[in-house]
């Protein structure tokens, strides 16, 4: 299995996860995102520096230059120290944390982020966000207690995006709704040989500046047969708010069903796969996506993919093209994507590191 992990010092949301098996077949599933405990091998330093311009999907929001950096260092006795910073003209934050490999008892990390922010037409505020994360893989039973996390943010804490989204046209107003508490648990269980795996997830959130709460429960099944991989995922999402001065709460509920299948085309096109994804929501319409992906050149150093989606009930169409090349000393990537609201172009390069782990 090829595993790619993208981490963030802060933030949560939903991820479309693509699992690529050793034979090149792919499985896709939607899961609530919460990063794993932060760990690094002793003596290893991992760092990242990023700079750019924030551009919101909302055209009324100003484009703002920002920068961020992070570092993770492996300490003796299974400890890891990590930290990072984000900064823009109206925002500064500093994050510090520690992780610990607990051996047979799993892994744990804790961190705190201090932020100073000035929203449009407001005075400066400051606050903290505290986070705990734990993971445990029980090899004997095939159970992966993948993620258990908790985050608490004080009333004065704002994320970079929440602050930058307030800088907009004077005729456009926005309510900054911020997470106060977030808890999540994600588990997966391998079944007997050839029977695939099951996954379960649970997320709960509440917010400052509003009475809104969010609950999400998900379940999924994934398997493969003769190189054909497939999966079925279901989620139940519930938002609730207090109905003004009336008693009780008003609930907004939605159910989402997703199906995906990946079929090898190696008989005709070498290391190439065709995919189909169906995503249907009780309130958000249905999207059908077809795609093709593969690899080429010596050592499969070039990976590419193309997808086209067709949506109903106002969802609109979408598509993307992506390519990634791993050279001897560097890795370069580029991509293009569009939907009914925007077009996006991305590109990047990174130095390859051959030091052994």
Protein backbone atom coordinates (compact mmCIF):
# COMPACT_ATOMS: atom_id res chain seq x y z
CA UNK A 1 0.00 0.00 0.00
CA UNK A 2 1.21 3.49 -0.84
CA UNK A 3 0.45 5.91 2.01
CA UNK A 4 0.54 9.70 1.76
CA UNK A 5 -0.12 11.75 4.91
CA UNK A 6 -0.84 15.50 4.84
CA UNK A 7 -0.81 17.21 8.23
CA UNK A 8 -1.83 20.62 9.54
CA UNK A 9 -0.96 22.20 12.86
CA UNK A 10 -4.56 23.21 13.28
CA UNK A 11 -7.91 22.69 11.67
CA UNK A 12 -10.45 19.99 10.95
CA UNK A 13 -13.00 19.18 8.31
CA UNK A 14 -13.87 16.35 5.90
CA UNK A 15 -11.38 14.63 3.63
CA UNK A 16 -11.78 12.60 0.46
CA UNK A 17 -9.27 9.84 1.18
CA UNK A 18 -7.75 7.85 -1.68
CA UNK A 19 -6.02 4.59 -0.73
CA UNK A 20 -3.71 3.23 -3.44
CA UNK A 21 -2.87 -0.45 -3.09
CA UNK A 22 0.43 -2.02 -4.15
CA UNK A 23 -1.21 -3.33 -7.34
CA UNK A 24 -2.23 0.21 -8.29
CA UNK A 25 -5.94 -0.15 -7.52
CA UNK A 26 -7.59 2.66 -5.58
CA UNK A 27 -10.28 3.00 -2.93
CA UNK A 28 -11.94 6.28 -1.99
CA UNK A 29 -13.89 7.19 1.11
CA UNK A 30 -15.06 10.34 2.85
CA UNK A 31 -14.07 10.62 6.51
CA UNK A 32 -14.11 13.37 9.12
CA UNK A 33 -10.59 14.73 9.32
CA UNK A 34 -8.52 14.91 12.48
CA UNK A 35 -4.77 14.61 12.22
CA UNK A 36 -2.95 11.81 14.03
CA UNK A 37 -0.71 12.40 17.03
CA UNK A 38 2.47 14.18 15.91
CA UNK A 39 5.52 11.89 16.08
CA UNK A 40 9.02 12.04 14.59
CA UNK A 41 11.96 9.63 14.87
CA UNK A 42 14.74 10.64 17.26
CA UNK A 43 17.18 13.15 15.77
CA UNK A 44 15.02 13.88 12.72
CA UNK A 45 13.94 17.42 11.87
CA UNK A 46 11.03 18.05 9.53
CA UNK A 47 10.12 21.61 8.58
CA UNK A 48 7.96 23.52 6.12
CA UNK A 49 7.69 27.17 5.09
CA UNK A 50 4.81 28.54 3.01
CA UNK A 51 3.91 31.97 1.68
CA UNK A 52 1.12 33.13 -0.56
CA UNK A 53 -2.06 35.12 -0.96
CA UNK A 54 -5.37 34.12 0.59
CA UNK A 55 -8.22 34.15 -1.91
CA UNK A 56 -11.69 33.18 -0.75
CA UNK A 57 -14.41 31.58 -2.86
CA UNK A 58 -16.44 34.64 -1.84
CA UNK A 59 -15.44 37.36 -4.30
CA UNK A 60 -16.30 40.10 -1.78
CA UNK A 61 -13.43 39.00 0.51
CA UNK A 62 -10.13 40.87 0.08
CA UNK A 63 -7.01 39.01 -1.12
CA UNK A 64 -4.45 39.07 1.73
CA UNK A 65 -0.80 38.02 1.79
CA UNK A 66 0.11 35.49 4.49
CA UNK A 67 2.94 33.21 5.57
CA UNK A 68 3.32 30.16 7.77
CA UNK A 69 5.99 27.78 9.00
CA UNK A 70 6.21 24.60 11.05
CA UNK A 71 8.87 22.31 12.50
CA UNK A 72 8.86 18.83 14.08
CA UNK A 73 11.86 17.36 15.89
CA UNK A 74 12.31 13.85 17.30
CA UNK A 75 13.58 13.73 20.89
CA UNK A 76 14.94 10.76 22.90
CA UNK A 77 12.67 8.28 24.71
CA UNK A 78 9.87 8.48 22.15
CA UNK A 79 9.11 12.19 22.59
CA UNK A 80 8.52 14.68 19.77
CA UNK A 81 8.52 18.48 19.97
CA UNK A 82 6.72 20.54 17.36
CA UNK A 83 5.55 24.06 16.71
CA UNK A 84 4.58 26.55 14.08
CA UNK A 85 3.40 30.04 13.27
CA UNK A 86 0.98 31.82 10.93
CA UNK A 87 1.06 35.51 10.18
CA UNK A 88 -0.69 38.12 8.07
CA UNK A 89 -1.22 41.85 8.46
CA UNK A 90 -4.23 41.40 10.81
CA UNK A 91 -3.21 38.06 12.37
CA UNK A 92 -0.42 36.28 14.28
CA UNK A 93 -0.39 32.84 15.88
CA UNK A 94 2.13 30.57 17.59
CA UNK A 95 1.65 26.83 18.20
CA UNK A 96 3.69 24.57 20.49
CA UNK A 97 3.17 20.90 21.28
CA UNK A 98 4.63 17.59 22.35
CA UNK A 99 3.97 14.01 21.21
CA UNK A 100 4.80 10.70 22.89
CA UNK A 101 5.08 7.18 21.54
CA UNK A 102 3.47 5.02 24.25
CA UNK A 103 4.53 1.70 22.73
CA UNK A 104 1.87 -0.94 23.31
CA UNK A 105 -0.50 1.76 24.54
CA UNK A 106 -0.52 3.75 21.28
CA UNK A 107 0.51 7.37 20.68
CA UNK A 108 -0.53 10.68 22.19
CA UNK A 109 0.07 14.37 21.51
CA UNK A 110 -1.03 17.69 23.01
CA UNK A 111 -0.59 21.23 21.73
CA UNK A 112 -1.75 24.79 22.28
CA UNK A 113 -2.07 27.65 19.79
CA UNK A 114 -2.00 31.29 20.90
CA UNK A 115 -3.49 33.74 18.40
CA UNK A 116 -3.66 37.54 18.19
CA UNK A 117 -6.16 38.81 15.64
CA UNK A 118 -7.80 42.03 14.48
CA UNK A 119 -10.98 41.63 12.47
CA UNK A 120 -12.23 44.37 10.18
CA UNK A 121 -13.46 47.39 12.18
CA UNK A 122 -12.70 45.62 15.48
CA UNK A 123 -10.03 45.93 18.17
CA UNK A 124 -7.35 43.27 18.63
CA UNK A 125 -8.36 40.08 20.44
CA UNK A 126 -6.35 37.12 21.65
CA UNK A 127 -7.18 33.57 22.66
CA UNK A 128 -5.97 30.00 22.83
CA UNK A 129 -6.92 26.69 21.27
CA UNK A 130 -6.00 23.47 23.10
CA UNK A 131 -5.92 20.06 21.43
CA UNK A 132 -5.43 16.44 22.54
CA UNK A 133 -5.01 13.47 20.16
CA UNK A 134 -4.62 9.72 20.66
CA UNK A 135 -4.32 6.69 18.38
CA UNK A 136 -3.95 2.94 18.89
CA UNK A 137 -3.67 0.01 16.48
CA UNK A 138 -4.61 -3.40 17.94
CA UNK A 139 -2.77 -5.80 15.63
CA UNK A 140 -4.20 -8.99 17.15
CA UNK A 141 -7.80 -8.10 16.30
CA UNK A 142 -7.17 -5.96 13.21
CA UNK A 143 -8.75 -2.99 14.97
CA UNK A 144 -7.41 0.49 14.28
CA UNK A 145 -8.59 2.96 16.90
CA UNK A 146 -7.29 5.51 14.47
CA UNK A 147 -8.25 8.86 15.91
CA UNK A 148 -9.67 10.14 19.16
CA UNK A 149 -9.36 13.89 19.47
CA UNK A 150 -10.61 16.80 21.47
CA UNK A 151 -10.15 20.54 20.93
CA UNK A 152 -11.25 23.50 23.02
CA UNK A 153 -10.95 27.11 21.87
CA UNK A 154 -11.46 30.15 24.09
CA UNK A 155 -13.82 32.99 23.22
CA UNK A 156 -11.02 35.21 21.90
CA UNK A 157 -9.45 32.62 19.59
CA UNK A 158 -9.83 32.98 15.83
CA UNK A 159 -8.24 31.01 13.02
CA UNK A 160 -6.43 32.75 10.16
CA UNK A 161 -9.27 32.07 7.72
CA UNK A 162 -11.93 33.33 10.12
CA UNK A 163 -10.10 36.66 10.47
CA UNK A 164 -9.29 37.16 6.78
CA UNK A 165 -12.89 36.42 5.78
CA UNK A 166 -14.02 39.54 7.67
CA UNK A 167 -11.99 41.80 5.34
CA UNK A 168 -14.52 42.33 2.60
CA UNK A 169 -16.63 44.95 0.83
CA UNK A 170 -18.32 47.29 3.29
CA UNK A 171 -21.71 46.37 1.82
CA UNK A 172 -21.18 42.70 2.70
CA UNK A 173 -21.51 41.54 6.31
CA UNK A 174 -20.50 38.23 7.86
CA UNK A 175 -21.08 36.50 11.18
CA UNK A 176 -17.86 34.92 12.44
CA UNK A 177 -18.98 31.58 13.81
CA UNK A 178 -16.14 29.79 15.58
CA UNK A 179 -15.80 26.27 16.93
CA UNK A 180 -15.70 26.09 20.72
CA UNK A 181 -15.55 22.34 21.35
CA UNK A 182 -14.84 19.56 18.87
CA UNK A 183 -14.65 15.85 19.66
CA UNK A 184 -14.09 13.02 17.20
CA UNK A 185 -13.56 9.28 17.15
CA UNK A 186 -12.72 7.17 14.09
CA UNK A 187 -12.33 3.39 14.15
CA UNK A 188 -11.76 0.71 11.52
CA UNK A 189 -11.96 -3.06 11.71
CA UNK A 190 -10.46 -5.57 9.27
CA UNK A 191 -12.76 -8.53 8.68
CA UNK A 192 -11.65 -12.05 7.82
CA UNK A 193 -9.45 -12.61 4.76
CA UNK A 194 -11.13 -11.41 1.58
CA UNK A 195 -14.05 -9.84 3.45
CA UNK A 196 -12.80 -6.24 3.45
CA UNK A 197 -13.02 -3.74 6.29
CA UNK A 198 -15.57 -1.67 8.18
CA UNK A 199 -15.14 1.87 9.50
CA UNK A 200 -17.10 4.04 11.94
CA UNK A 201 -16.78 7.73 12.75
CA UNK A 202 -18.38 10.22 15.11
CA UNK A 203 -17.96 14.01 15.30
CA UNK A 204 -19.52 16.55 17.64
CA UNK A 205 -19.06 20.35 17.57
CA UNK A 206 -20.50 23.46 19.17
CA UNK A 207 -19.79 27.11 18.42
CA UNK A 208 -19.16 30.51 19.94
CA UNK A 209 -21.40 33.41 18.86
CA UNK A 210 -24.28 31.07 18.03
CA UNK A 211 -26.41 28.29 19.48
CA UNK A 212 -25.51 25.92 16.67
CA UNK A 213 -24.34 22.38 17.32
CA UNK A 214 -23.21 19.77 14.81
CA UNK A 215 -23.34 15.99 15.02
CA UNK A 216 -22.10 13.58 12.36
CA UNK A 217 -22.10 9.78 12.35
CA UNK A 218 -20.56 7.77 9.52
CA UNK A 219 -20.11 4.14 8.52
CA UNK A 220 -18.27 2.58 5.60
CA UNK A 221 -17.35 -0.70 3.97
CA UNK A 222 -14.39 -1.24 1.59
CA UNK A 223 -13.11 -4.32 -0.23
CA UNK A 224 -11.42 -5.48 -3.43
CA UNK A 225 -11.85 -8.45 -5.77
CA UNK A 226 -9.53 -9.46 -8.62
CA UNK A 227 -7.98 -6.00 -8.69
CA UNK A 228 -11.37 -4.24 -8.61
CA UNK A 229 -11.77 -2.15 -5.47
CA UNK A 230 -15.08 -0.76 -4.25
CA UNK A 231 -16.55 0.98 -1.25
CA UNK A 232 -19.85 2.14 0.20
CA UNK A 233 -20.07 4.94 2.76
CA UNK A 234 -22.97 6.51 4.63
CA UNK A 235 -23.12 9.56 6.89
CA UNK A 236 -25.86 11.18 8.93
CA UNK A 237 -25.36 14.89 9.65
CA UNK A 238 -27.38 17.01 12.05
CA UNK A 239 -27.19 20.77 12.65
CA UNK A 240 -29.35 22.34 15.33
CA UNK A 241 -30.03 25.90 16.50
CA UNK A 242 -32.34 27.55 19.01
CA UNK A 243 -35.44 28.92 17.24
CA UNK A 244 -35.24 32.53 18.38
CA UNK A 245 -37.33 33.01 21.51
CA UNK A 246 -39.27 29.78 21.04
CA UNK A 247 -38.58 26.79 23.24
CA UNK A 248 -36.75 23.75 21.93
CA UNK A 249 -34.31 23.46 19.04
CA UNK A 250 -34.66 23.48 15.26
CA UNK A 251 -32.90 20.58 13.54
CA UNK A 252 -31.51 20.50 10.01
CA UNK A 253 -30.74 16.91 9.06
CA UNK A 254 -29.09 15.43 5.99
CA UNK A 255 -28.00 11.97 4.86
CA UNK A 256 -25.20 11.30 2.38
CA UNK A 257 -24.54 8.05 0.53
CA UNK A 258 -21.36 7.50 -1.48
CA UNK A 259 -20.29 4.60 -3.69
CA UNK A 260 -16.97 4.19 -5.51
CA UNK A 261 -15.37 1.56 -7.74
CA UNK A 262 -11.95 1.36 -9.42
CA UNK A 263 -11.30 -1.04 -12.32
CA UNK A 264 -7.85 -1.90 -13.73
CA UNK A 265 -7.30 -1.29 -17.46
CA UNK A 266 -3.86 -2.90 -17.53
CA UNK A 267 -4.92 -5.42 -20.18
CA UNK A 268 -5.21 -2.59 -22.70
CA UNK A 269 -3.48 0.50 -21.28
CA UNK A 270 -0.71 -0.64 -18.98
CA UNK A 271 -0.77 0.65 -15.42
CA UNK A 272 -4.07 2.53 -15.78
CA UNK A 273 -7.34 2.49 -13.83
CA UNK A 274 -10.85 3.74 -14.48
CA UNK A 275 -12.99 4.95 -11.60
CA UNK A 276 -16.59 5.87 -10.89
CA UNK A 277 -17.92 7.73 -7.86
CA UNK A 278 -21.52 8.38 -6.87
CA UNK A 279 -22.32 10.88 -4.14
CA UNK A 280 -25.94 11.60 -3.32
CA UNK A 281 -27.30 13.84 -0.58
CA UNK A 282 -30.84 14.05 0.71
CA UNK A 283 -30.67 17.84 0.40
CA UNK A 284 -27.69 18.50 -1.85
CA UNK A 285 -28.43 16.61 -5.03
CA UNK A 286 -26.39 13.90 -6.74
CA UNK A 287 -22.93 13.97 -8.30
CA UNK A 288 -21.62 11.30 -10.69
CA UNK A 289 -17.88 11.39 -11.30
CA UNK A 290 -15.90 9.34 -13.82
CA UNK A 291 -12.14 9.33 -14.00
CA UNK A 292 -8.98 7.67 -15.19
CA UNK A 293 -5.57 7.57 -13.53
CA UNK A 294 -2.29 5.78 -13.95
CA UNK A 295 1.48 5.88 -13.92
CA UNK A 296 4.17 5.83 -16.59
CA UNK A 297 7.92 5.98 -17.25
CA UNK A 298 10.63 3.95 -15.53
CA UNK A 299 9.82 3.19 -11.93
CA UNK A 300 6.33 4.65 -12.42
CA UNK A 301 7.84 8.06 -11.70
CA UNK A 302 5.04 9.89 -13.50
CA UNK A 303 1.57 9.73 -11.93
CA UNK A 304 -1.44 11.36 -13.56
CA UNK A 305 -5.21 11.56 -13.19
CA UNK A 306 -8.26 13.12 -14.84
CA UNK A 307 -11.82 13.36 -13.49
CA UNK A 308 -15.12 14.80 -14.69
CA UNK A 309 -18.15 15.20 -12.45
CA UNK A 310 -21.80 15.80 -13.37
CA UNK A 311 -24.11 17.23 -10.71
CA UNK A 312 -27.87 17.55 -10.42
CA UNK A 313 -30.17 19.97 -8.55
CA UNK A 314 -27.90 22.96 -9.00
CA UNK A 315 -24.72 21.18 -7.93
CA UNK A 316 -23.12 21.87 -11.32
CA UNK A 317 -20.31 20.15 -13.16
CA UNK A 318 -16.69 19.88 -12.04
CA UNK A 319 -13.42 18.40 -13.23
CA UNK A 320 -9.70 18.21 -12.64
CA UNK A 321 -6.38 17.22 -14.23
CA UNK A 322 -3.30 16.40 -12.14
CA UNK A 323 0.26 15.19 -12.77
CA UNK A 324 3.20 14.43 -10.49
CA UNK A 325 6.76 13.55 -11.50
CA UNK A 326 9.42 12.17 -9.15
CA UNK A 327 12.90 12.83 -10.47
CA UNK A 328 16.27 11.86 -9.07
CA UNK A 329 16.68 14.99 -6.98
CA UNK A 330 13.28 16.69 -7.01
CA UNK A 331 9.55 16.13 -7.28
CA UNK A 332 7.29 18.45 -9.29
CA UNK A 333 3.51 18.55 -9.56
CA UNK A 334 0.81 20.57 -11.28
CA UNK A 335 -2.94 20.49 -11.63
CA UNK A 336 -6.06 22.25 -12.86
CA UNK A 337 -9.57 22.08 -11.43
CA UNK A 338 -12.87 23.80 -12.05
CA UNK A 339 -16.41 23.84 -10.72
CA UNK A 340 -19.47 26.04 -11.09
CA UNK A 341 -17.92 28.73 -8.87
CA UNK A 342 -14.24 28.89 -9.76
CA UNK A 343 -11.18 27.67 -11.65
CA UNK A 344 -7.95 26.71 -9.86
CA UNK A 345 -4.39 26.11 -11.02
CA UNK A 346 -1.74 24.64 -8.72
CA UNK A 347 1.92 23.76 -9.12
CA UNK A 348 4.79 22.92 -6.83
CA UNK A 349 8.27 21.47 -6.43
CA UNK A 350 10.09 19.75 -3.57
CA UNK A 351 13.59 18.43 -3.01
CA UNK A 352 13.80 14.66 -2.55
CA UNK A 353 15.56 13.36 0.57
CA UNK A 354 17.18 9.91 0.42
CA UNK A 355 18.25 9.67 4.05
CA UNK A 356 17.06 6.42 5.56
CA UNK A 357 14.50 6.36 8.35
